[in-house]
Amino acid sequence: MTNDDRDFANATIDRAARAAEDAKSVKAEREAAAKAVLDNMARLKALRLAREATEPPRAPAAKKARTKPGKPAEKAPALSDWLASQQNGGRRI
């Protein structure tokens, strides 16, 4: 094995080791960010529950009575009649 071959092999091993360290650090950063998000969610939930506990209970919203759809009082004009009235009124169609 020549010196060039040894240098190449050592450089390859160094690159692999650096890549492994980078992967570990990236994973640690990602886990830290996820933990920070979960901690913040827990803190906000605790604040919301404390605020809701101090508020008086709200009255349930009154439900609206459903009305049956009735027949329209006046039947809409036919399309041809409506178009004619629009043209007579000066509207361009």
N, C-alpha and C. Protein backbone atom coordinates (compact mmCIF):
# COMPACT_ATOMS: atom_id res chain seq x y z
N MET A 1 0.85 -1.16 0.00
CA MET A 1 0.00 0.00 0.00
C MET A 1 0.91 1.24 0.00
N THR A 2 0.61 2.18 -0.84
CA THR A 2 1.44 3.38 -0.93
C THR A 2 0.96 4.42 0.07
N ASN A 3 1.75 5.46 0.19
CA ASN A 3 1.38 6.55 1.11
C ASN A 3 0.09 7.24 0.67
N ASP A 4 -0.08 7.36 -0.64
CA ASP A 4 -1.31 7.98 -1.15
C ASP A 4 -2.53 7.15 -0.77
N ASP A 5 -2.39 5.84 -0.86
CA ASP A 5 -3.51 4.96 -0.50
C ASP A 5 -3.83 5.08 0.99
N ARG A 6 -2.78 5.15 1.82
CA ARG A 6 -3.00 5.28 3.27
C ARG A 6 -3.66 6.62 3.59
N ASP A 7 -3.18 7.68 2.95
CA ASP A 7 -3.77 9.01 3.19
C ASP A 7 -5.25 9.03 2.78
N PHE A 8 -5.55 8.39 1.65
CA PHE A 8 -6.94 8.34 1.19
C PHE A 8 -7.81 7.55 2.17
N ALA A 9 -7.29 6.44 2.67
CA ALA A 9 -8.05 5.61 3.61
C ALA A 9 -8.27 6.37 4.92
N ASN A 10 -7.22 7.04 5.40
CA ASN A 10 -7.37 7.81 6.64
C ASN A 10 -8.36 8.96 6.46
N ALA A 11 -8.33 9.63 5.32
CA ALA A 11 -9.25 10.73 5.05
C ALA A 11 -10.69 10.22 4.99
N THR A 12 -10.87 9.06 4.42
CA THR A 12 -12.20 8.47 4.33
C THR A 12 -12.73 8.13 5.72
N ILE A 13 -11.86 7.58 6.56
CA ILE A 13 -12.26 7.23 7.93
C ILE A 13 -12.58 8.50 8.71
N ASP A 14 -11.78 9.55 8.53
CA ASP A 14 -12.03 10.81 9.22
C ASP A 14 -13.36 11.42 8.80
N ARG A 15 -13.63 11.37 7.49
CA ARG A 15 -14.91 11.90 6.99
C ARG A 15 -16.09 11.12 7.57
N ALA A 16 -15.96 9.82 7.64
CA ALA A 16 -17.03 8.99 8.18
C ALA A 16 -17.25 9.29 9.66
N ALA A 17 -16.16 9.47 10.39
CA ALA A 17 -16.28 9.78 11.82
C ALA A 17 -16.93 11.14 12.02
N ARG A 18 -16.52 12.13 11.20
CA ARG A 18 -17.13 13.46 11.30
C ARG A 18 -18.61 13.42 10.94
N ALA A 19 -18.96 12.64 9.94
CA ALA A 19 -20.37 12.52 9.54
C ALA A 19 -21.19 11.90 10.66
N ALA A 20 -20.62 10.90 11.34
CA ALA A 20 -21.33 10.26 12.44
C ALA A 20 -21.53 11.24 13.60
N GLU A 21 -20.52 12.04 13.90
CA GLU A 21 -20.65 13.04 14.96
C GLU A 21 -21.68 14.10 14.59
N ASP A 22 -21.67 14.52 13.33
CA ASP A 22 -22.65 15.51 12.88
C ASP A 22 -24.07 14.95 13.00
N ALA A 23 -24.23 13.69 12.64
CA ALA A 23 -25.56 13.07 12.72
C ALA A 23 -26.02 13.02 14.17
N LYS A 24 -25.11 12.71 15.10
CA LYS A 24 -25.48 12.67 16.51
C LYS A 24 -25.86 14.05 17.02
N SER A 25 -25.11 15.07 16.60
CA SER A 25 -25.42 16.41 17.08
C SER A 25 -26.73 16.92 16.50
N VAL A 26 -26.99 16.59 15.24
CA VAL A 26 -28.26 17.00 14.62
C VAL A 26 -29.42 16.31 15.32
N LYS A 27 -29.25 15.04 15.63
CA LYS A 27 -30.32 14.30 16.33
C LYS A 27 -30.57 14.90 17.71
N ALA A 28 -29.48 15.27 18.40
CA ALA A 28 -29.63 15.86 19.73
C ALA A 28 -30.34 17.22 19.64
N GLU A 29 -30.02 18.00 18.62
CA GLU A 29 -30.68 19.30 18.44
C GLU A 29 -32.16 19.11 18.15
N ARG A 30 -32.47 18.13 17.31
CA ARG A 30 -33.87 17.87 16.96
C ARG A 30 -34.65 17.42 18.18
N GLU A 31 -34.05 16.55 19.00
CA GLU A 31 -34.72 16.09 20.21
C GLU A 31 -34.90 17.23 21.21
N ALA A 32 -33.92 18.13 21.30
CA ALA A 32 -34.04 19.27 22.20
C ALA A 32 -35.16 20.19 21.75
N ALA A 33 -35.27 20.41 20.44
CA ALA A 33 -36.34 21.26 19.92
C ALA A 33 -37.71 20.63 20.17
N ALA A 34 -37.81 19.33 19.98
CA ALA A 34 -39.08 18.64 20.22
C ALA A 34 -39.46 18.70 21.70
N LYS A 35 -38.47 18.55 22.58
CA LYS A 35 -38.74 18.63 24.01
C LYS A 35 -39.19 20.03 24.40
N ALA A 36 -38.59 21.05 23.78
CA ALA A 36 -38.98 22.43 24.08
C ALA A 36 -40.42 22.68 23.65
N VAL A 37 -40.82 22.15 22.50
CA VAL A 37 -42.20 22.31 22.03
C VAL A 37 -43.17 21.61 22.99
N LEU A 38 -42.84 20.40 23.40
CA LEU A 38 -43.72 19.67 24.32
C LEU A 38 -43.82 20.36 25.68
N ASP A 39 -42.70 20.88 26.16
CA ASP A 39 -42.72 21.61 27.44
C ASP A 39 -43.59 22.86 27.34
N ASN A 40 -43.48 23.57 26.21
CA ASN A 40 -44.29 24.77 26.02
C ASN A 40 -45.77 24.42 25.94
N MET A 41 -46.10 23.33 25.25
CA MET A 41 -47.50 22.90 25.16
C MET A 41 -48.05 22.56 26.54
N ALA A 42 -47.26 21.89 27.36
CA ALA A 42 -47.69 21.52 28.71
C ALA A 42 -47.89 22.78 29.56
N ARG A 43 -46.98 23.74 29.43
CA ARG A 43 -47.10 24.99 30.19
C ARG A 43 -48.36 25.75 29.79
N LEU A 44 -48.61 25.85 28.47
CA LEU A 44 -49.80 26.56 28.01
C LEU A 44 -51.09 25.85 28.43
N LYS A 45 -51.07 24.52 28.43
CA LYS A 45 -52.25 23.77 28.87
C LYS A 45 -52.53 24.02 30.34
N ALA A 46 -51.47 24.05 31.16
CA ALA A 46 -51.64 24.31 32.58
C ALA A 46 -52.19 25.71 32.81
N LEU A 47 -51.70 26.69 32.05
CA LEU A 47 -52.23 28.05 32.17
C LEU A 47 -53.70 28.13 31.76
N ARG A 48 -54.05 27.42 30.67
CA ARG A 48 -55.44 27.44 30.21
C ARG A 48 -56.35 26.80 31.24
N LEU A 49 -55.93 25.66 31.79
CA LEU A 49 -56.77 24.99 32.79
C LEU A 49 -56.92 25.83 34.05
N ALA A 50 -55.87 26.53 34.45
CA ALA A 50 -55.95 27.40 35.63
C ALA A 50 -56.89 28.57 35.36
N ARG A 51 -56.82 29.13 34.16
CA ARG A 51 -57.70 30.24 33.81
C ARG A 51 -59.16 29.78 33.77
N GLU A 52 -59.40 28.60 33.18
CA GLU A 52 -60.76 28.09 33.11
C GLU A 52 -61.31 27.74 34.49
N ALA A 53 -60.45 27.34 35.39
CA ALA A 53 -60.91 26.99 36.74
C ALA A 53 -61.35 28.22 37.51
N THR A 54 -60.76 29.38 37.22
CA THR A 54 -61.12 30.59 37.95
C THR A 54 -62.34 31.29 37.34
N GLU A 55 -62.67 31.00 36.09
CA GLU A 55 -63.83 31.63 35.45
C GLU A 55 -65.12 30.96 35.94
N PRO A 56 -66.20 31.74 36.02
CA PRO A 56 -67.47 31.10 36.35
C PRO A 56 -67.93 30.23 35.17
N PRO A 57 -68.68 29.18 35.45
CA PRO A 57 -69.11 28.31 34.36
C PRO A 57 -70.02 29.08 33.40
N ARG A 58 -69.84 28.81 32.16
CA ARG A 58 -70.64 29.47 31.13
C ARG A 58 -71.95 28.73 30.94
N ALA A 59 -72.98 29.52 30.63
CA ALA A 59 -74.27 28.91 30.35
C ALA A 59 -74.20 28.27 28.96
N PRO A 60 -74.82 27.11 28.81
CA PRO A 60 -74.79 26.49 27.48
C PRO A 60 -75.52 27.37 26.48
N ALA A 61 -75.04 27.38 25.28
CA ALA A 61 -75.64 28.18 24.23
C ALA A 61 -77.03 27.64 23.91
N ALA A 62 -77.98 28.54 23.75
CA ALA A 62 -79.34 28.13 23.43
C ALA A 62 -79.38 27.67 21.98
N LYS A 63 -80.02 26.54 21.79
CA LYS A 63 -80.14 26.01 20.43
C LYS A 63 -81.30 26.70 19.72
N LYS A 64 -81.08 26.99 18.48
CA LYS A 64 -82.15 27.60 17.68
C LYS A 64 -83.11 26.51 17.23
N ALA A 65 -84.38 26.85 17.27
CA ALA A 65 -85.38 25.90 16.81
C ALA A 65 -85.33 25.84 15.29
N ARG A 66 -85.36 24.65 14.79
CA ARG A 66 -85.32 24.49 13.33
C ARG A 66 -86.69 24.80 12.75
N THR A 67 -86.68 25.54 11.71
CA THR A 67 -87.94 25.85 11.03
C THR A 67 -88.02 25.00 9.78
N LYS A 68 -89.21 24.61 9.48
CA LYS A 68 -89.41 23.83 8.27
C LYS A 68 -89.36 24.76 7.07
N PRO A 69 -88.73 24.32 6.03
CA PRO A 69 -88.69 25.18 4.86
C PRO A 69 -90.10 25.34 4.29
N GLY A 70 -90.51 26.55 4.17
CA GLY A 70 -91.85 26.81 3.67
C GLY A 70 -91.83 27.06 2.17
N LYS A 71 -93.01 27.16 1.63
CA LYS A 71 -93.10 27.47 0.20
C LYS A 71 -92.84 28.95 0.00
N PRO A 72 -92.13 29.31 -1.03
CA PRO A 72 -91.89 30.72 -1.27
C PRO A 72 -93.22 31.45 -1.53
N ALA A 73 -93.31 32.65 -1.01
CA ALA A 73 -94.55 33.42 -1.15
C ALA A 73 -94.83 33.76 -2.61
N GLU A 74 -93.78 34.04 -3.34
CA GLU A 74 -93.98 34.41 -4.74
C GLU A 74 -93.03 33.60 -5.59
N LYS A 75 -93.54 33.08 -6.67
CA LYS A 75 -92.71 32.28 -7.54
C LYS A 75 -91.82 33.21 -8.36
N ALA A 76 -90.57 32.81 -8.52
CA ALA A 76 -89.62 33.62 -9.29
C ALA A 76 -90.04 33.64 -10.75
N PRO A 77 -89.79 34.76 -11.44
CA PRO A 77 -90.18 34.83 -12.86
C PRO A 77 -89.33 33.86 -13.69
N ALA A 78 -89.87 33.52 -14.83
CA ALA A 78 -89.14 32.62 -15.73
C ALA A 78 -87.87 33.32 -16.20
N LEU A 79 -86.89 32.54 -16.56
CA LEU A 79 -85.61 33.10 -16.98
C LEU A 79 -85.78 33.99 -18.20
N SER A 80 -86.59 33.59 -19.14
CA SER A 80 -86.79 34.40 -20.34
C SER A 80 -87.42 35.74 -19.99
N ASP A 81 -88.35 35.76 -19.03
CA ASP A 81 -88.96 37.03 -18.61
C ASP A 81 -87.93 37.91 -17.91
N TRP A 82 -87.10 37.32 -17.07
CA TRP A 82 -86.08 38.08 -16.36
C TRP A 82 -85.07 38.67 -17.34
N LEU A 83 -84.64 37.87 -18.33
CA LEU A 83 -83.69 38.37 -19.33
C LEU A 83 -84.30 39.51 -20.14
N ALA A 84 -85.57 39.39 -20.47
CA ALA A 84 -86.23 40.44 -21.24
C ALA A 84 -86.29 41.73 -20.41
N SER A 85 -86.59 41.62 -19.14
CA SER A 85 -86.66 42.81 -18.31
C SER A 85 -85.28 43.45 -18.15
N GLN A 86 -84.24 42.65 -18.10
CA GLN A 86 -82.89 43.18 -18.00
C GLN A 86 -82.50 43.93 -19.28
N GLN A 87 -82.86 43.37 -20.42
CA GLN A 87 -82.54 44.03 -21.69
C GLN A 87 -83.34 45.32 -21.84
N ASN A 88 -84.59 45.30 -21.42
CA ASN A 88 -85.43 46.51 -21.51
C ASN A 88 -84.91 47.59 -20.57
N GLY A 89 -84.28 47.18 -19.52
CA GLY A 89 -83.73 48.13 -18.54
C GLY A 89 -82.39 48.70 -18.98
N GLY A 90 -81.87 48.29 -20.12
CA GLY A 90 -80.62 48.82 -20.63
C GLY A 90 -79.40 48.01 -20.26
N ARG A 91 -79.59 46.89 -19.66
CA ARG A 91 -78.45 46.06 -19.29
C ARG A 91 -77.99 45.22 -20.47
N ARG A 92 -76.69 45.14 -20.66
CA ARG A 92 -76.16 44.33 -21.76
C ARG A 92 -75.90 42.92 -21.24
N ILE A 93 -76.37 41.96 -21.98
CA ILE A 93 -76.18 40.57 -21.55
C ILE A 93 -75.35 39.84 -22.58
